[in-house]
Amino acid sequence: MLIARLIWLPAFLKHREFVILKVAVLTAALGLFLLTACQPETSHQNQNQTQPMDSLDQTSVDSSQNLKPLDTLTLGAGCFWCVEAVFEQIKGVYDVRSGYMGGQVAQPSYREVCTGRTGHAEVVQFSYDPSAIPLENLLEIFFGTHDPTTLNRQGEDVGTQYRSVIFYRGEEQQKAALQFIERLNADNTFKNPVVTEVAEAGVFYVAENYHQEYFRLHGEEPYCKLVVRPKVEKFQKAYARFRR
């Protein structure tokens, strides 16, 4: 019996070493795959590159197509995917870009903004032709497609980065925003008071490329179906006269 065990032992050890080696190789390969698969695109290069356009109803229009003087407006209303998907459909609106504003950190990444520690809000910035779409109408659409009464929150998206905010440029935009909010509260448009922040525009940091035109490119994802699409459909139904 002892001789039989001694003869079997080297073969067992050899087989065991092979199995361990095989498991180690497979584990390393799996780890490398997960590491590369879970990394979001974080490059800030070519952030202003225009995305391909399928139709004017779905995507942002380049301002080079319009020779009239344009104004710029920056708005935050929760996840910027929602805001972008609405405003890129409005006639007279150009160069819609998702990004960050209102924080203390230069060149913030999406991951940093998501911590809520940089002070930035997720925003959408765009140019618009006041003769085609007055600021009053833009504010009407803005307040009509999100909940401006929840502080630092839109639905299940919670944090200061999701705050309702208007970043104004010049006294005219500031006055228009404050008067619009005052009128909403006076008319009891919402059950609760509007808590939208009105602040002077600062540096706008364009978000990573994979955030641009997100709903158009990824409209079948669960978040887009459950959160973004209802806002887009509300805009299309309630503000059809403003669609390009």
C-alpha atoms as a PDB file:
ATOM      1  CA  MET A   1       0.000   0.000   0.000  1.00  0.00           C
ATOM      2  CA  LEU A   2       2.838   2.420   0.892  1.00  0.00           C
ATOM      3  CA  ILE A   3       4.612   1.694  -2.434  1.00  0.00           C
ATOM      4  CA  ALA A   4       1.359   2.357  -4.362  1.00  0.00           C
ATOM      5  CA  ARG A   5       0.907   5.742  -2.646  1.00  0.00           C
ATOM      6  CA  LEU A   6       4.509   6.737  -3.403  1.00  0.00           C
ATOM      7  CA  ILE A   7       4.049   5.860  -7.084  1.00  0.00           C
ATOM      8  CA  TRP A   8       0.760   7.869  -7.281  1.00  0.00           C
ATOM      9  CA  LEU A   9       2.059  10.950  -5.402  1.00  0.00           C
ATOM     10  CA  PRO A  10       4.369  12.433  -8.145  1.00  0.00           C
ATOM     11  CA  ALA A  11       1.605  12.156 -10.741  1.00  0.00           C
ATOM     12  CA  PHE A  12      -0.841  13.891  -8.376  1.00  0.00           C
ATOM     13  CA  LEU A  13       1.587  16.719  -7.637  1.00  0.00           C
ATOM     14  CA  LYS A  14       2.272  17.231 -11.341  1.00  0.00           C
ATOM     15  CA  HIS A  15      -1.460  17.367 -12.101  1.00  0.00           C
ATOM     16  CA  ARG A  16      -2.064  19.738  -9.199  1.00  0.00           C
ATOM     17  CA  GLU A  17       0.668  22.131 -10.386  1.00  0.00           C
ATOM     18  CA  PHE A  18      -0.875  22.159 -13.864  1.00  0.00           C
ATOM     19  CA  VAL A  19      -4.331  22.948 -12.468  1.00  0.00           C
ATOM     20  CA  ILE A  20      -2.954  25.773 -10.297  1.00  0.00           C
ATOM     21  CA  LEU A  21      -1.082  27.244 -13.261  1.00  0.00           C
ATOM     22  CA  LYS A  22      -4.179  27.032 -15.449  1.00  0.00           C
ATOM     23  CA  VAL A  23      -6.358  28.740 -12.811  1.00  0.00           C
ATOM     24  CA  ALA A  24      -3.762  31.499 -12.364  1.00  0.00           C
ATOM     25  CA  VAL A  25      -3.645  32.213 -16.108  1.00  0.00           C
ATOM     26  CA  LEU A  26      -7.442  32.291 -16.400  1.00  0.00           C
ATOM     27  CA  THR A  27      -7.745  34.557 -13.342  1.00  0.00           C
ATOM     28  CA  ALA A  28      -5.196  37.004 -14.744  1.00  0.00           C
ATOM     29  CA  ALA A  29      -6.931  37.095 -18.120  1.00  0.00           C
ATOM     30  CA  LEU A  30     -10.332  37.695 -16.506  1.00  0.00           C
ATOM     31  CA  GLY A  31      -8.919  40.469 -14.334  1.00  0.00           C
ATOM     32  CA  LEU A  32      -7.398  42.220 -17.354  1.00  0.00           C
ATOM     33  CA  PHE A  33     -10.714  42.017 -19.215  1.00  0.00           C
ATOM     34  CA  LEU A  34     -12.703  43.494 -16.324  1.00  0.00           C
ATOM     35  CA  LEU A  35     -10.142  46.245 -15.827  1.00  0.00           C
ATOM     36  CA  THR A  36     -10.364  47.409 -19.413  1.00  0.00           C
ATOM     37  CA  ALA A  37     -14.121  46.857 -19.775  1.00  0.00           C
ATOM     38  CA  CYS A  38     -15.094  48.928 -16.729  1.00  0.00           C
ATOM     39  CA  GLN A  39     -13.015  51.986 -17.566  1.00  0.00           C
ATOM     40  CA  PRO A  40     -15.132  54.890 -18.910  1.00  0.00           C
ATOM     41  CA  GLU A  41     -13.718  57.154 -21.576  1.00  0.00           C
ATOM     42  CA  THR A  42     -12.136  60.055 -19.686  1.00  0.00           C
ATOM     43  CA  SER A  43     -10.111  61.770 -22.350  1.00  0.00           C
ATOM     44  CA  HIS A  44     -10.731  65.497 -22.684  1.00  0.00           C
ATOM     45  CA  GLN A  45      -9.365  65.589 -26.207  1.00  0.00           C
ATOM     46  CA  ASN A  46     -11.613  66.617 -29.104  1.00  0.00           C
ATOM     47  CA  GLN A  47     -14.424  67.506 -26.675  1.00  0.00           C
ATOM     48  CA  ASN A  48     -15.831  70.088 -29.054  1.00  0.00           C
ATOM     49  CA  GLN A  49     -15.991  67.703 -31.991  1.00  0.00           C
ATOM     50  CA  THR A  50     -19.424  67.812 -33.582  1.00  0.00           C
ATOM     51  CA  GLN A  51     -21.303  64.524 -33.434  1.00  0.00           C
ATOM     52  CA  PRO A  52     -22.801  63.066 -36.659  1.00  0.00           C
ATOM     53  CA  MET A  53     -26.365  64.210 -37.217  1.00  0.00           C
ATOM     54  CA  ASP A  54     -29.225  61.889 -38.122  1.00  0.00           C
ATOM     55  CA  SER A  55     -31.977  64.511 -38.256  1.00  0.00           C
ATOM     56  CA  LEU A  56     -32.673  68.049 -37.135  1.00  0.00           C
ATOM     57  CA  ASP A  57     -35.309  66.759 -34.717  1.00  0.00           C
ATOM     58  CA  GLN A  58     -32.775  64.738 -32.760  1.00  0.00           C
ATOM     59  CA  THR A  59     -29.450  66.471 -32.709  1.00  0.00           C
ATOM     60  CA  SER A  60     -27.750  69.788 -32.083  1.00  0.00           C
ATOM     61  CA  VAL A  61     -27.320  72.210 -34.971  1.00  0.00           C
ATOM     62  CA  ASP A  62     -24.048  74.027 -35.638  1.00  0.00           C
ATOM     63  CA  SER A  63     -24.304  77.807 -35.182  1.00  0.00           C
ATOM     64  CA  SER A  64     -22.276  78.353 -38.370  1.00  0.00           C
ATOM     65  CA  GLN A  65     -25.563  77.785 -40.196  1.00  0.00           C
ATOM     66  CA  ASN A  66     -26.929  80.987 -38.697  1.00  0.00           C
ATOM     67  CA  LEU A  67     -25.444  84.423 -39.415  1.00  0.00           C
ATOM     68  CA  LYS A  68     -27.568  86.315 -36.859  1.00  0.00           C
ATOM     69  CA  PRO A  69     -26.132  87.481 -33.509  1.00  0.00           C
ATOM     70  CA  LEU A  70     -26.459  84.749 -30.889  1.00  0.00           C
ATOM     71  CA  ASP A  71     -26.677  84.744 -27.104  1.00  0.00           C
ATOM     72  CA  THR A  72     -25.396  81.998 -24.788  1.00  0.00           C
ATOM     73  CA  LEU A  73     -27.244  80.352 -21.917  1.00  0.00           C
ATOM     74  CA  THR A  74     -26.188  77.679 -19.417  1.00  0.00           C
ATOM     75  CA  LEU A  75     -28.787  75.627 -17.547  1.00  0.00           C
ATOM     76  CA  GLY A  76     -28.724  72.843 -14.972  1.00  0.00           C
ATOM     77  CA  ALA A  77     -31.761  70.654 -14.313  1.00  0.00           C
ATOM     78  CA  GLY A  78     -30.494  67.331 -13.031  1.00  0.00           C
ATOM     79  CA  CYS A  79     -28.703  64.876 -15.311  1.00  0.00           C
ATOM     80  CA  PHE A  80     -27.375  66.744 -18.331  1.00  0.00           C
ATOM     81  CA  TRP A  81     -28.420  63.904 -20.641  1.00  0.00           C
ATOM     82  CA  CYS A  82     -32.048  64.949 -20.017  1.00  0.00           C
ATOM     83  CA  VAL A  83     -31.501  68.662 -20.547  1.00  0.00           C
ATOM     84  CA  GLU A  84     -29.447  68.158 -23.689  1.00  0.00           C
ATOM     85  CA  ALA A  85     -32.032  65.809 -25.227  1.00  0.00           C
ATOM     86  CA  VAL A  86     -34.699  68.514 -24.864  1.00  0.00           C
ATOM     87  CA  PHE A  87     -32.840  71.669 -25.858  1.00  0.00           C
ATOM     88  CA  GLU A  88     -31.158  70.250 -28.928  1.00  0.00           C
ATOM     89  CA  GLN A  89     -34.649  69.928 -30.466  1.00  0.00           C
ATOM     90  CA  ILE A  90     -35.576  73.597 -30.105  1.00  0.00           C
ATOM     91  CA  LYS A  91     -35.587  75.812 -33.168  1.00  0.00           C
ATOM     92  CA  GLY A  92     -33.176  78.710 -32.872  1.00  0.00           C
ATOM     93  CA  VAL A  93     -30.890  76.757 -30.491  1.00  0.00           C
ATOM     94  CA  TYR A  94     -27.372  75.818 -31.606  1.00  0.00           C
ATOM     95  CA  ASP A  95     -24.199  74.104 -30.351  1.00  0.00           C
ATOM     96  CA  VAL A  96     -25.778  72.240 -27.438  1.00  0.00           C
ATOM     97  CA  ARG A  97     -23.040  70.809 -25.194  1.00  0.00           C
ATOM     98  CA  SER A  98     -23.132  68.945 -21.895  1.00  0.00           C
ATOM     99  CA  GLY A  99     -20.604  69.988 -19.271  1.00  0.00           C
ATOM    100  CA  TYR A 100     -19.881  71.339 -15.816  1.00  0.00           C
ATOM    101  CA  MET A 101     -20.061  74.795 -14.207  1.00  0.00           C
ATOM    102  CA  GLY A 102     -20.157  76.424 -10.796  1.00  0.00           C
ATOM    103  CA  GLY A 103     -17.383  74.553  -8.994  1.00  0.00           C
ATOM    104  CA  GLN A 104     -13.954  75.206  -7.522  1.00  0.00           C
ATOM    105  CA  VAL A 105     -11.879  72.575  -9.333  1.00  0.00           C
ATOM    106  CA  ALA A 106     -10.347  73.228 -12.755  1.00  0.00           C
ATOM    107  CA  GLN A 107     -10.920  70.671 -15.519  1.00  0.00           C
ATOM    108  CA  PRO A 108     -13.116  68.368 -13.434  1.00  0.00           C
ATOM    109  CA  SER A 109     -13.811  64.848 -14.630  1.00  0.00           C
ATOM    110  CA  TYR A 110     -17.225  63.216 -14.541  1.00  0.00           C
ATOM    111  CA  ARG A 111     -16.117  60.951 -11.712  1.00  0.00           C
ATOM    112  CA  GLU A 112     -14.977  63.940  -9.673  1.00  0.00           C
ATOM    113  CA  VAL A 113     -18.198  65.863 -10.257  1.00  0.00           C
ATOM    114  CA  CYS A 114     -20.244  62.807  -9.261  1.00  0.00           C
ATOM    115  CA  THR A 115     -18.689  62.866  -5.796  1.00  0.00           C
ATOM    116  CA  GLY A 116     -20.404  66.202  -5.166  1.00  0.00           C
ATOM    117  CA  ARG A 117     -17.170  67.611  -3.755  1.00  0.00           C
ATOM    118  CA  THR A 118     -16.094  69.825  -6.673  1.00  0.00           C
ATOM    119  CA  GLY A 119     -19.089  72.156  -6.406  1.00  0.00           C
ATOM    120  CA  HIS A 120     -19.963  71.817 -10.081  1.00  0.00           C
ATOM    121  CA  ALA A 121     -23.417  71.284 -11.491  1.00  0.00           C
ATOM    122  CA  GLU A 122     -24.127  69.130 -14.510  1.00  0.00           C
ATOM    123  CA  VAL A 123     -25.227  71.687 -17.083  1.00  0.00           C
ATOM    124  CA  VAL A 124     -26.003  72.187 -20.727  1.00  0.00           C
ATOM    125  CA  GLN A 125     -24.683  75.224 -22.561  1.00  0.00           C
ATOM    126  CA  PHE A 126     -25.921  76.442 -25.929  1.00  0.00           C
ATOM    127  CA  SER A 127     -26.193  79.412 -28.238  1.00  0.00           C
ATOM    128  CA  TYR A 128     -29.583  80.730 -29.282  1.00  0.00           C
ATOM    129  CA  ASP A 129     -31.074  83.243 -31.681  1.00  0.00           C
ATOM    130  CA  PRO A 130     -33.299  85.616 -29.638  1.00  0.00           C
ATOM    131  CA  SER A 131     -35.266  86.503 -32.754  1.00  0.00           C
ATOM    132  CA  ALA A 132     -36.214  82.839 -33.236  1.00  0.00           C
ATOM    133  CA  ILE A 133     -36.577  81.730 -29.613  1.00  0.00           C
ATOM    134  CA  PRO A 134     -36.773  84.491 -26.956  1.00  0.00           C
ATOM    135  CA  LEU A 135     -35.223  83.930 -23.539  1.00  0.00           C
ATOM    136  CA  GLU A 136     -38.704  83.927 -22.015  1.00  0.00           C
ATOM    137  CA  ASN A 137     -39.623  80.834 -24.037  1.00  0.00           C
ATOM    138  CA  LEU A 138     -36.380  79.071 -23.157  1.00  0.00           C
ATOM    139  CA  LEU A 139     -37.113  79.633 -19.468  1.00  0.00           C
ATOM    140  CA  GLU A 140     -40.658  78.372 -19.986  1.00  0.00           C
ATOM    141  CA  ILE A 141     -39.329  75.129 -21.453  1.00  0.00           C
ATOM    142  CA  PHE A 142     -36.630  74.857 -18.782  1.00  0.00           C
ATOM    143  CA  PHE A 143     -39.065  75.097 -15.878  1.00  0.00           C
ATOM    144  CA  GLY A 144     -41.641  72.957 -17.651  1.00  0.00           C
ATOM    145  CA  THR A 145     -39.372  69.952 -18.197  1.00  0.00           C
ATOM    146  CA  HIS A 146     -37.912  69.448 -14.722  1.00  0.00           C
ATOM    147  CA  ASP A 147     -38.887  69.870 -11.067  1.00  0.00           C
ATOM    148  CA  PRO A 148     -37.428  73.196  -9.847  1.00  0.00           C
ATOM    149  CA  THR A 149     -38.798  72.724  -6.324  1.00  0.00           C
ATOM    150  CA  THR A 150     -36.496  69.935  -5.130  1.00  0.00           C
ATOM    151  CA  LEU A 151     -33.199  71.150  -3.708  1.00  0.00           C
ATOM    152  CA  ASN A 152     -30.153  69.365  -5.124  1.00  0.00           C
ATOM    153  CA  ARG A 153     -32.284  66.610  -6.544  1.00  0.00           C
ATOM    154  CA  GLN A 154     -34.119  65.437  -9.659  1.00  0.00           C
ATOM    155  CA  GLY A 155     -35.983  62.206  -9.059  1.00  0.00           C
ATOM    156  CA  GLU A 156     -33.520  59.578  -7.879  1.00  0.00           C
ATOM    157  CA  ASP A 157     -30.514  61.689  -8.913  1.00  0.00           C
ATOM    158  CA  VAL A 158     -29.425  63.287  -5.649  1.00  0.00           C
ATOM    159  CA  GLY A 159     -26.536  65.671  -4.973  1.00  0.00           C
ATOM    160  CA  THR A 160     -25.495  69.280  -5.522  1.00  0.00           C
ATOM    161  CA  GLN A 161     -24.332  68.328  -9.020  1.00  0.00           C
ATOM    162  CA  TYR A 162     -28.009  67.804  -9.914  1.00  0.00           C
ATOM    163  CA  ARG A 163     -29.232  71.176  -8.642  1.00  0.00           C
ATOM    164  CA  SER A 164     -31.626  73.341 -10.619  1.00  0.00           C
ATOM    165  CA  VAL A 165     -29.618  76.364 -11.726  1.00  0.00           C
ATOM    166  CA  ILE A 166     -29.546  79.176 -14.272  1.00  0.00           C
ATOM    167  CA  PHE A 167     -26.099  80.606 -15.016  1.00  0.00           C
ATOM    168  CA  TYR A 168     -26.744  84.035 -16.479  1.00  0.00           C
ATOM    169  CA  ARG A 169     -24.623  86.318 -18.651  1.00  0.00           C
ATOM    170  CA  GLY A 170     -25.411  89.957 -18.203  1.00  0.00           C
ATOM    171  CA  GLU A 171     -28.057  91.875 -16.338  1.00  0.00           C
ATOM    172  CA  GLU A 172     -30.787  91.102 -18.873  1.00  0.00           C
ATOM    173  CA  GLN A 173     -30.584  87.330 -18.376  1.00  0.00           C
ATOM    174  CA  GLN A 174     -30.324  87.712 -14.599  1.00  0.00           C
ATOM    175  CA  LYS A 175     -33.374  89.957 -14.425  1.00  0.00           C
ATOM    176  CA  ALA A 176     -35.406  87.713 -16.719  1.00  0.00           C
ATOM    177  CA  ALA A 177     -34.585  84.609 -14.646  1.00  0.00           C
ATOM    178  CA  LEU A 178     -35.421  86.220 -11.305  1.00  0.00           C
ATOM    179  CA  GLN A 179     -38.668  87.705 -12.600  1.00  0.00           C
ATOM    180  CA  PHE A 180     -39.704  84.366 -14.110  1.00  0.00           C
ATOM    181  CA  ILE A 181     -39.132  82.576 -10.801  1.00  0.00           C
ATOM    182  CA  GLU A 182     -41.007  85.308  -8.922  1.00  0.00           C
ATOM    183  CA  ARG A 183     -43.962  84.903 -11.260  1.00  0.00           C
ATOM    184  CA  LEU A 184     -43.984  81.109 -10.902  1.00  0.00           C
ATOM    185  CA  ASN A 185     -44.102  81.410  -7.123  1.00  0.00           C
ATOM    186  CA  ALA A 186     -46.725  84.168  -7.187  1.00  0.00           C
ATOM    187  CA  ASP A 187     -48.967  82.086  -9.449  1.00  0.00           C
ATOM    188  CA  ASN A 188     -48.447  78.942  -7.341  1.00  0.00           C
ATOM    189  CA  THR A 189     -47.439  77.098 -10.507  1.00  0.00           C
ATOM    190  CA  PHE A 190     -45.918  74.347  -8.369  1.00  0.00           C
ATOM    191  CA  LYS A 191     -47.068  72.958  -5.031  1.00  0.00           C
ATOM    192  CA  ASN A 192     -43.773  74.003  -3.457  1.00  0.00           C
ATOM    193  CA  PRO A 193     -41.626  77.126  -3.929  1.00  0.00           C
ATOM    194  CA  VAL A 194     -39.056  77.195  -6.739  1.00  0.00           C
ATOM    195  CA  VAL A 195     -35.528  76.697  -5.400  1.00  0.00           C
ATOM    196  CA  THR A 196     -33.665  77.210  -8.685  1.00  0.00           C
ATOM    197  CA  GLU A 197     -30.325  78.920  -8.161  1.00  0.00           C
ATOM    198  CA  VAL A 198     -29.565  82.003 -10.263  1.00  0.00           C
ATOM    199  CA  ALA A 199     -25.819  82.611 -10.503  1.00  0.00           C
ATOM    200  CA  GLU A 200     -23.392  84.420 -12.749  1.00  0.00           C
ATOM    201  CA  ALA A 201     -21.830  82.172 -15.364  1.00  0.00           C
ATOM    202  CA  GLY A 202     -18.289  81.028 -14.742  1.00  0.00           C
ATOM    203  CA  VAL A 203     -15.956  78.735 -16.636  1.00  0.00           C
ATOM    204  CA  PHE A 204     -17.768  76.080 -18.646  1.00  0.00           C
ATOM    205  CA  TYR A 205     -15.979  72.746 -18.872  1.00  0.00           C
ATOM    206  CA  VAL A 206     -17.187  70.546 -21.706  1.00  0.00           C
ATOM    207  CA  ALA A 207     -17.973  67.029 -20.493  1.00  0.00           C
ATOM    208  CA  GLU A 208     -16.251  63.939 -21.867  1.00  0.00           C
ATOM    209  CA  ASN A 209     -17.134  62.943 -25.427  1.00  0.00           C
ATOM    210  CA  TYR A 210     -19.232  59.966 -24.408  1.00  0.00           C
ATOM    211  CA  HIS A 211     -21.717  62.295 -22.670  1.00  0.00           C
ATOM    212  CA  GLN A 212     -22.457  64.337 -25.788  1.00  0.00           C
ATOM    213  CA  GLU A 213     -25.791  63.554 -27.510  1.00  0.00           C
ATOM    214  CA  TYR A 214     -26.135  60.666 -25.109  1.00  0.00           C
ATOM    215  CA  PHE A 215     -29.860  60.107 -25.520  1.00  0.00           C
ATOM    216  CA  ARG A 216     -29.671  60.042 -29.309  1.00  0.00           C
ATOM    217  CA  LEU A 217     -26.851  57.516 -29.252  1.00  0.00           C
ATOM    218  CA  HIS A 218     -28.002  55.396 -26.301  1.00  0.00           C
ATOM    219  CA  GLY A 219     -31.767  55.896 -26.191  1.00  0.00           C
ATOM    220  CA  GLU A 220     -32.459  52.205 -25.583  1.00  0.00           C
ATOM    221  CA  GLU A 221     -30.527  52.055 -22.318  1.00  0.00           C
ATOM    222  CA  PRO A 222     -32.713  51.620 -19.185  1.00  0.00           C
ATOM    223  CA  TYR A 223     -31.910  55.065 -17.732  1.00  0.00           C
ATOM    224  CA  CYS A 224     -32.723  56.750 -21.030  1.00  0.00           C
ATOM    225  CA  LYS A 225     -36.014  54.890 -21.324  1.00  0.00           C
ATOM    226  CA  LEU A 226     -37.097  55.496 -17.735  1.00  0.00           C
ATOM    227  CA  VAL A 227     -35.780  59.014 -17.073  1.00  0.00           C
ATOM    228  CA  VAL A 228     -34.765  60.865 -20.239  1.00  0.00           C
ATOM    229  CA  ARG A 229     -37.480  59.742 -22.647  1.00  0.00           C
ATOM    230  CA  PRO A 230     -40.438  60.947 -20.504  1.00  0.00           C
ATOM    231  CA  LYS A 231     -38.935  64.452 -20.382  1.00  0.00           C
ATOM    232  CA  VAL A 232     -38.368  64.457 -24.131  1.00  0.00           C
ATOM    233  CA  GLU A 233     -41.908  63.257 -24.794  1.00  0.00           C
ATOM    234  CA  LYS A 234     -43.305  65.904 -22.456  1.00  0.00           C
ATOM    235  CA  PHE A 235     -41.418  68.591 -24.353  1.00  0.00           C
ATOM    236  CA  GLN A 236     -42.573  67.265 -27.703  1.00  0.00           C
ATOM    237  CA  LYS A 237     -46.197  67.272 -26.567  1.00  0.00           C
ATOM    238  CA  ALA A 238     -46.373  70.440 -24.457  1.00  0.00           C
ATOM    239  CA  TYR A 239     -43.974  72.602 -26.478  1.00  0.00           C
ATOM    240  CA  ALA A 240     -44.448  71.303 -29.991  1.00  0.00           C
ATOM    241  CA  ARG A 241     -44.554  74.865 -31.335  1.00  0.00           C
ATOM    242  CA  PHE A 242     -40.897  75.314 -30.411  1.00  0.00           C
ATOM    243  CA  ARG A 243     -39.588  72.198 -32.140  1.00  0.00           C
ATOM    244  CA  ARG A 244     -37.431  72.696 -35.195  1.00  0.00           C
END
